[in-house]
């Protein structure tokens, strides 16, 4: 199994586990907020349709762009929600983190590197809040290839919108 497959498997587990846990406790499965309007992706990306949360995988690099929402008031803030993206990594090292803005909204940026099964992974993520929901969107993949999808990630971030 190559790095990309291991990353996708681990990332899919992260996105699917909440549904399994909610079944064990007879809670409703997590859903993605209906208040966010996501942009369309180019044909260079495949939609990962078996995830609870929206995610797209680059055909060329294997890098993944995804977005997670939490609408349970008080669960997460702009900084803490980044843990949803990086908690499954081993040997996590924070490269950069800072408060910022994204499309005129208060945001928090975090860049981490870590490992999954001994393979290097980098995650760049931005969080925002809208109404009662906190969102985190990320670009994740091989640190040597992640810059190849920077423009795609920036375009995605600029086109995210919320229903009024």
C-alpha atoms as a PDB file:
ATOM      1  CA  UNK A   1       0.000   0.000   0.000  1.00  0.00           C
ATOM      2  CA  UNK A   2       1.553   3.324  -1.031  1.00  0.00           C
ATOM      3  CA  UNK A   3       1.549   6.567   0.936  1.00  0.00           C
ATOM      4  CA  UNK A   4      -1.455   7.997  -0.871  1.00  0.00           C
ATOM      5  CA  UNK A   5      -3.576   4.910  -0.255  1.00  0.00           C
ATOM      6  CA  UNK A   6      -2.604   4.829   3.431  1.00  0.00           C
ATOM      7  CA  UNK A   7      -3.399   8.512   3.813  1.00  0.00           C
ATOM      8  CA  UNK A   8      -6.765   8.186   2.082  1.00  0.00           C
ATOM      9  CA  UNK A   9      -7.614   5.138   4.200  1.00  0.00           C
ATOM     10  CA  UNK A  10      -6.645   6.915   7.421  1.00  0.00           C
ATOM     11  CA  UNK A  11      -8.440  10.103   6.398  1.00  0.00           C
ATOM     12  CA  UNK A  12     -11.554   8.154   5.395  1.00  0.00           C
ATOM     13  CA  UNK A  13     -11.492   6.428   8.779  1.00  0.00           C
ATOM     14  CA  UNK A  14     -11.348   9.840  10.460  1.00  0.00           C
ATOM     15  CA  UNK A  15     -14.387  10.958   8.486  1.00  0.00           C
ATOM     16  CA  UNK A  16     -16.367   7.714   8.922  1.00  0.00           C
ATOM     17  CA  UNK A  17     -15.662   6.902  12.584  1.00  0.00           C
ATOM     18  CA  UNK A  18     -18.099   9.538  13.921  1.00  0.00           C
ATOM     19  CA  UNK A  19     -20.917   7.737  12.111  1.00  0.00           C
ATOM     20  CA  UNK A  20     -19.906   4.388  13.612  1.00  0.00           C
ATOM     21  CA  UNK A  21     -19.657   5.842  17.115  1.00  0.00           C
ATOM     22  CA  UNK A  22     -23.035   7.528  16.804  1.00  0.00           C
ATOM     23  CA  UNK A  23     -24.553   4.159  15.838  1.00  0.00           C
ATOM     24  CA  UNK A  24     -23.086   2.557  18.977  1.00  0.00           C
ATOM     25  CA  UNK A  25     -24.674   5.226  21.169  1.00  0.00           C
ATOM     26  CA  UNK A  26     -27.929   5.478  19.179  1.00  0.00           C
ATOM     27  CA  UNK A  27     -27.122   9.056  18.237  1.00  0.00           C
ATOM     28  CA  UNK A  28     -27.800  10.490  14.798  1.00  0.00           C
ATOM     29  CA  UNK A  29     -24.947  10.274  12.317  1.00  0.00           C
ATOM     30  CA  UNK A  30     -23.001  13.484  11.819  1.00  0.00           C
ATOM     31  CA  UNK A  31     -24.076  15.557   8.878  1.00  0.00           C
ATOM     32  CA  UNK A  32     -22.450  18.346   6.969  1.00  0.00           C
ATOM     33  CA  UNK A  33     -23.943  21.798   7.465  1.00  0.00           C
ATOM     34  CA  UNK A  34     -26.429  22.876   4.824  1.00  0.00           C
ATOM     35  CA  UNK A  35     -25.454  26.530   5.317  1.00  0.00           C
ATOM     36  CA  UNK A  36     -22.208  26.306   3.351  1.00  0.00           C
ATOM     37  CA  UNK A  37     -22.085  26.626  -0.427  1.00  0.00           C
ATOM     38  CA  UNK A  38     -19.139  24.689  -1.851  1.00  0.00           C
ATOM     39  CA  UNK A  39     -17.515  25.475  -5.189  1.00  0.00           C
ATOM     40  CA  UNK A  40     -17.322  23.031  -8.063  1.00  0.00           C
ATOM     41  CA  UNK A  41     -14.006  21.268  -8.647  1.00  0.00           C
ATOM     42  CA  UNK A  42     -12.229  20.825 -11.939  1.00  0.00           C
ATOM     43  CA  UNK A  43     -12.036  17.429 -13.588  1.00  0.00           C
ATOM     44  CA  UNK A  44      -8.528  17.117 -12.102  1.00  0.00           C
ATOM     45  CA  UNK A  45     -10.205  16.031  -8.836  1.00  0.00           C
ATOM     46  CA  UNK A  46     -12.381  13.061  -7.921  1.00  0.00           C
ATOM     47  CA  UNK A  47     -15.152  13.506  -5.375  1.00  0.00           C
ATOM     48  CA  UNK A  48     -14.753  11.103  -2.457  1.00  0.00           C
ATOM     49  CA  UNK A  49     -18.460  10.362  -2.176  1.00  0.00           C
ATOM     50  CA  UNK A  50     -18.273   7.710   0.551  1.00  0.00           C
ATOM     51  CA  UNK A  51     -17.327  10.242   3.248  1.00  0.00           C
ATOM     52  CA  UNK A  52     -19.634  11.919   5.749  1.00  0.00           C
ATOM     53  CA  UNK A  53     -17.975  15.237   4.924  1.00  0.00           C
ATOM     54  CA  UNK A  54     -17.139  16.560   1.442  1.00  0.00           C
ATOM     55  CA  UNK A  55     -13.666  15.703   0.143  1.00  0.00           C
ATOM     56  CA  UNK A  56     -11.917  15.755  -3.212  1.00  0.00           C
ATOM     57  CA  UNK A  57      -8.769  13.901  -4.269  1.00  0.00           C
ATOM     58  CA  UNK A  58      -6.350  15.184  -6.891  1.00  0.00           C
ATOM     59  CA  UNK A  59      -5.936  12.655  -9.694  1.00  0.00           C
ATOM     60  CA  UNK A  60      -2.348  13.803 -10.285  1.00  0.00           C
ATOM     61  CA  UNK A  61      -0.940  14.078  -6.747  1.00  0.00           C
ATOM     62  CA  UNK A  62      -3.277  12.132  -4.476  1.00  0.00           C
ATOM     63  CA  UNK A  63      -3.598  15.188  -2.219  1.00  0.00           C
ATOM     64  CA  UNK A  64      -7.006  15.686  -0.612  1.00  0.00           C
ATOM     65  CA  UNK A  65      -9.018  18.867  -0.087  1.00  0.00           C
ATOM     66  CA  UNK A  66     -11.783  18.444   2.472  1.00  0.00           C
ATOM     67  CA  UNK A  67     -14.136  20.353   4.730  1.00  0.00           C
ATOM     68  CA  UNK A  68     -15.600  19.373   8.097  1.00  0.00           C
ATOM     69  CA  UNK A  69     -18.350  21.164  10.001  1.00  0.00           C
ATOM     70  CA  UNK A  70     -19.448  21.032  13.610  1.00  0.00           C
ATOM     71  CA  UNK A  71     -22.719  22.726  14.475  1.00  0.00           C
ATOM     72  CA  UNK A  72     -22.932  21.763  18.141  1.00  0.00           C
ATOM     73  CA  UNK A  73     -22.484  25.115  19.804  1.00  0.00           C
ATOM     74  CA  UNK A  74     -19.526  25.183  22.167  1.00  0.00           C
ATOM     75  CA  UNK A  75     -17.781  22.016  20.916  1.00  0.00           C
ATOM     76  CA  UNK A  76     -15.030  23.785  18.989  1.00  0.00           C
ATOM     77  CA  UNK A  77     -13.521  27.202  18.488  1.00  0.00           C
ATOM     78  CA  UNK A  78     -11.458  28.442  15.550  1.00  0.00           C
ATOM     79  CA  UNK A  79      -8.266  26.964  16.993  1.00  0.00           C
ATOM     80  CA  UNK A  80      -9.456  23.686  18.508  1.00  0.00           C
ATOM     81  CA  UNK A  81     -11.338  22.374  15.457  1.00  0.00           C
ATOM     82  CA  UNK A  82      -8.024  21.847  13.641  1.00  0.00           C
ATOM     83  CA  UNK A  83      -7.556  18.791  15.852  1.00  0.00           C
ATOM     84  CA  UNK A  84     -10.168  16.987  13.753  1.00  0.00           C
ATOM     85  CA  UNK A  85      -7.673  17.068  10.894  1.00  0.00           C
ATOM     86  CA  UNK A  86      -4.430  16.329  12.730  1.00  0.00           C
ATOM     87  CA  UNK A  87      -5.340  14.076  15.678  1.00  0.00           C
ATOM     88  CA  UNK A  88      -4.902  10.913  13.587  1.00  0.00           C
ATOM     89  CA  UNK A  89      -1.255  11.762  12.801  1.00  0.00           C
ATOM     90  CA  UNK A  90       1.759  10.419  14.674  1.00  0.00           C
ATOM     91  CA  UNK A  91       4.777  12.603  15.478  1.00  0.00           C
ATOM     92  CA  UNK A  92       2.823  15.801  14.836  1.00  0.00           C
ATOM     93  CA  UNK A  93       4.883  18.966  14.509  1.00  0.00           C
ATOM     94  CA  UNK A  94       3.231  22.360  14.167  1.00  0.00           C
ATOM     95  CA  UNK A  95       5.008  24.254  11.377  1.00  0.00           C
ATOM     96  CA  UNK A  96       2.908  27.410  11.522  1.00  0.00           C
ATOM     97  CA  UNK A  97      -0.288  28.657  13.114  1.00  0.00           C
ATOM     98  CA  UNK A  98      -1.858  32.083  13.297  1.00  0.00           C
ATOM     99  CA  UNK A  99      -5.118  33.997  13.445  1.00  0.00           C
ATOM    100  CA  UNK A 100      -5.990  35.368  10.015  1.00  0.00           C
ATOM    101  CA  UNK A 101      -8.967  36.227   7.823  1.00  0.00           C
ATOM    102  CA  UNK A 102     -10.616  34.220   5.082  1.00  0.00           C
ATOM    103  CA  UNK A 103     -13.087  35.985   2.797  1.00  0.00           C
ATOM    104  CA  UNK A 104     -13.467  38.794   5.371  1.00  0.00           C
ATOM    105  CA  UNK A 105     -14.234  36.326   8.195  1.00  0.00           C
ATOM    106  CA  UNK A 106     -12.119  35.743  11.267  1.00  0.00           C
ATOM    107  CA  UNK A 107     -10.143  32.582  10.635  1.00  0.00           C
ATOM    108  CA  UNK A 108      -7.334  30.484  12.044  1.00  0.00           C
ATOM    109  CA  UNK A 109      -4.594  28.909   9.910  1.00  0.00           C
ATOM    110  CA  UNK A 110      -2.569  25.874  10.934  1.00  0.00           C
ATOM    111  CA  UNK A 111       0.103  23.897   9.096  1.00  0.00           C
ATOM    112  CA  UNK A 112       1.289  20.612  10.585  1.00  0.00           C
ATOM    113  CA  UNK A 113       3.461  17.705   9.549  1.00  0.00           C
ATOM    114  CA  UNK A 114       3.286  14.226  10.922  1.00  0.00           C
ATOM    115  CA  UNK A 115       3.219  10.604   9.921  1.00  0.00           C
ATOM    116  CA  UNK A 116       0.734   7.877   9.150  1.00  0.00           C
ATOM    117  CA  UNK A 117       2.280   4.407   9.218  1.00  0.00           C
ATOM    118  CA  UNK A 118       5.729   6.000   9.024  1.00  0.00           C
ATOM    119  CA  UNK A 119       4.919   8.048   5.905  1.00  0.00           C
ATOM    120  CA  UNK A 120       5.152  11.852   5.995  1.00  0.00           C
ATOM    121  CA  UNK A 121       1.928  13.876   5.748  1.00  0.00           C
ATOM    122  CA  UNK A 122       1.390  17.630   5.691  1.00  0.00           C
ATOM    123  CA  UNK A 123      -1.931  19.287   6.497  1.00  0.00           C
ATOM    124  CA  UNK A 124      -2.685  22.948   5.832  1.00  0.00           C
ATOM    125  CA  UNK A 125      -6.023  24.019   7.275  1.00  0.00           C
ATOM    126  CA  UNK A 126      -8.197  27.095   7.755  1.00  0.00           C
ATOM    127  CA  UNK A 127     -11.138  27.381  10.121  1.00  0.00           C
ATOM    128  CA  UNK A 128     -14.081  29.794  10.057  1.00  0.00           C
ATOM    129  CA  UNK A 129     -17.362  30.196  11.906  1.00  0.00           C
ATOM    130  CA  UNK A 130     -20.812  30.946  10.550  1.00  0.00           C
ATOM    131  CA  UNK A 131     -23.879  31.174  12.751  1.00  0.00           C
ATOM    132  CA  UNK A 132     -23.642  28.229  15.188  1.00  0.00           C
ATOM    133  CA  UNK A 133     -21.220  26.160  13.086  1.00  0.00           C
ATOM    134  CA  UNK A 134     -17.447  25.923  13.037  1.00  0.00           C
ATOM    135  CA  UNK A 135     -15.804  24.732   9.819  1.00  0.00           C
ATOM    136  CA  UNK A 136     -12.303  23.567   8.991  1.00  0.00           C
ATOM    137  CA  UNK A 137     -11.106  23.002   5.457  1.00  0.00           C
ATOM    138  CA  UNK A 138      -7.787  21.426   4.624  1.00  0.00           C
ATOM    139  CA  UNK A 139      -5.300  20.449   1.978  1.00  0.00           C
ATOM    140  CA  UNK A 140      -3.517  17.267   3.020  1.00  0.00           C
ATOM    141  CA  UNK A 141      -0.986  14.968   1.432  1.00  0.00           C
ATOM    142  CA  UNK A 142       2.641  14.221   0.735  1.00  0.00           C
ATOM    143  CA  UNK A 143       4.810  17.200   1.807  1.00  0.00           C
ATOM    144  CA  UNK A 144       6.821  16.884  -1.420  1.00  0.00           C
ATOM    145  CA  UNK A 145       3.689  17.224  -3.578  1.00  0.00           C
ATOM    146  CA  UNK A 146       1.411  19.453  -1.515  1.00  0.00           C
ATOM    147  CA  UNK A 147       2.543  22.665  -3.223  1.00  0.00           C
ATOM    148  CA  UNK A 148       1.328  21.270  -6.545  1.00  0.00           C
ATOM    149  CA  UNK A 149      -2.267  21.807  -5.347  1.00  0.00           C
ATOM    150  CA  UNK A 150      -1.811  25.181  -3.616  1.00  0.00           C
ATOM    151  CA  UNK A 151      -3.587  27.097  -6.373  1.00  0.00           C
ATOM    152  CA  UNK A 152      -6.515  24.643  -6.300  1.00  0.00           C
ATOM    153  CA  UNK A 153      -6.773  25.021  -2.516  1.00  0.00           C
ATOM    154  CA  UNK A 154      -6.599  28.828  -2.667  1.00  0.00           C
ATOM    155  CA  UNK A 155      -9.298  28.910  -5.355  1.00  0.00           C
ATOM    156  CA  UNK A 156     -11.485  26.610  -3.241  1.00  0.00           C
ATOM    157  CA  UNK A 157     -11.019  28.806  -0.166  1.00  0.00           C
ATOM    158  CA  UNK A 158     -11.901  31.979  -2.074  1.00  0.00           C
ATOM    159  CA  UNK A 159     -15.124  30.474  -3.453  1.00  0.00           C
ATOM    160  CA  UNK A 160     -16.536  29.053  -0.202  1.00  0.00           C
ATOM    161  CA  UNK A 161     -19.722  30.918   0.656  1.00  0.00           C
ATOM    162  CA  UNK A 162     -22.490  30.703   3.230  1.00  0.00           C
ATOM    163  CA  UNK A 163     -26.241  30.996   2.829  1.00  0.00           C
ATOM    164  CA  UNK A 164     -27.616  34.224   4.235  1.00  0.00           C
END
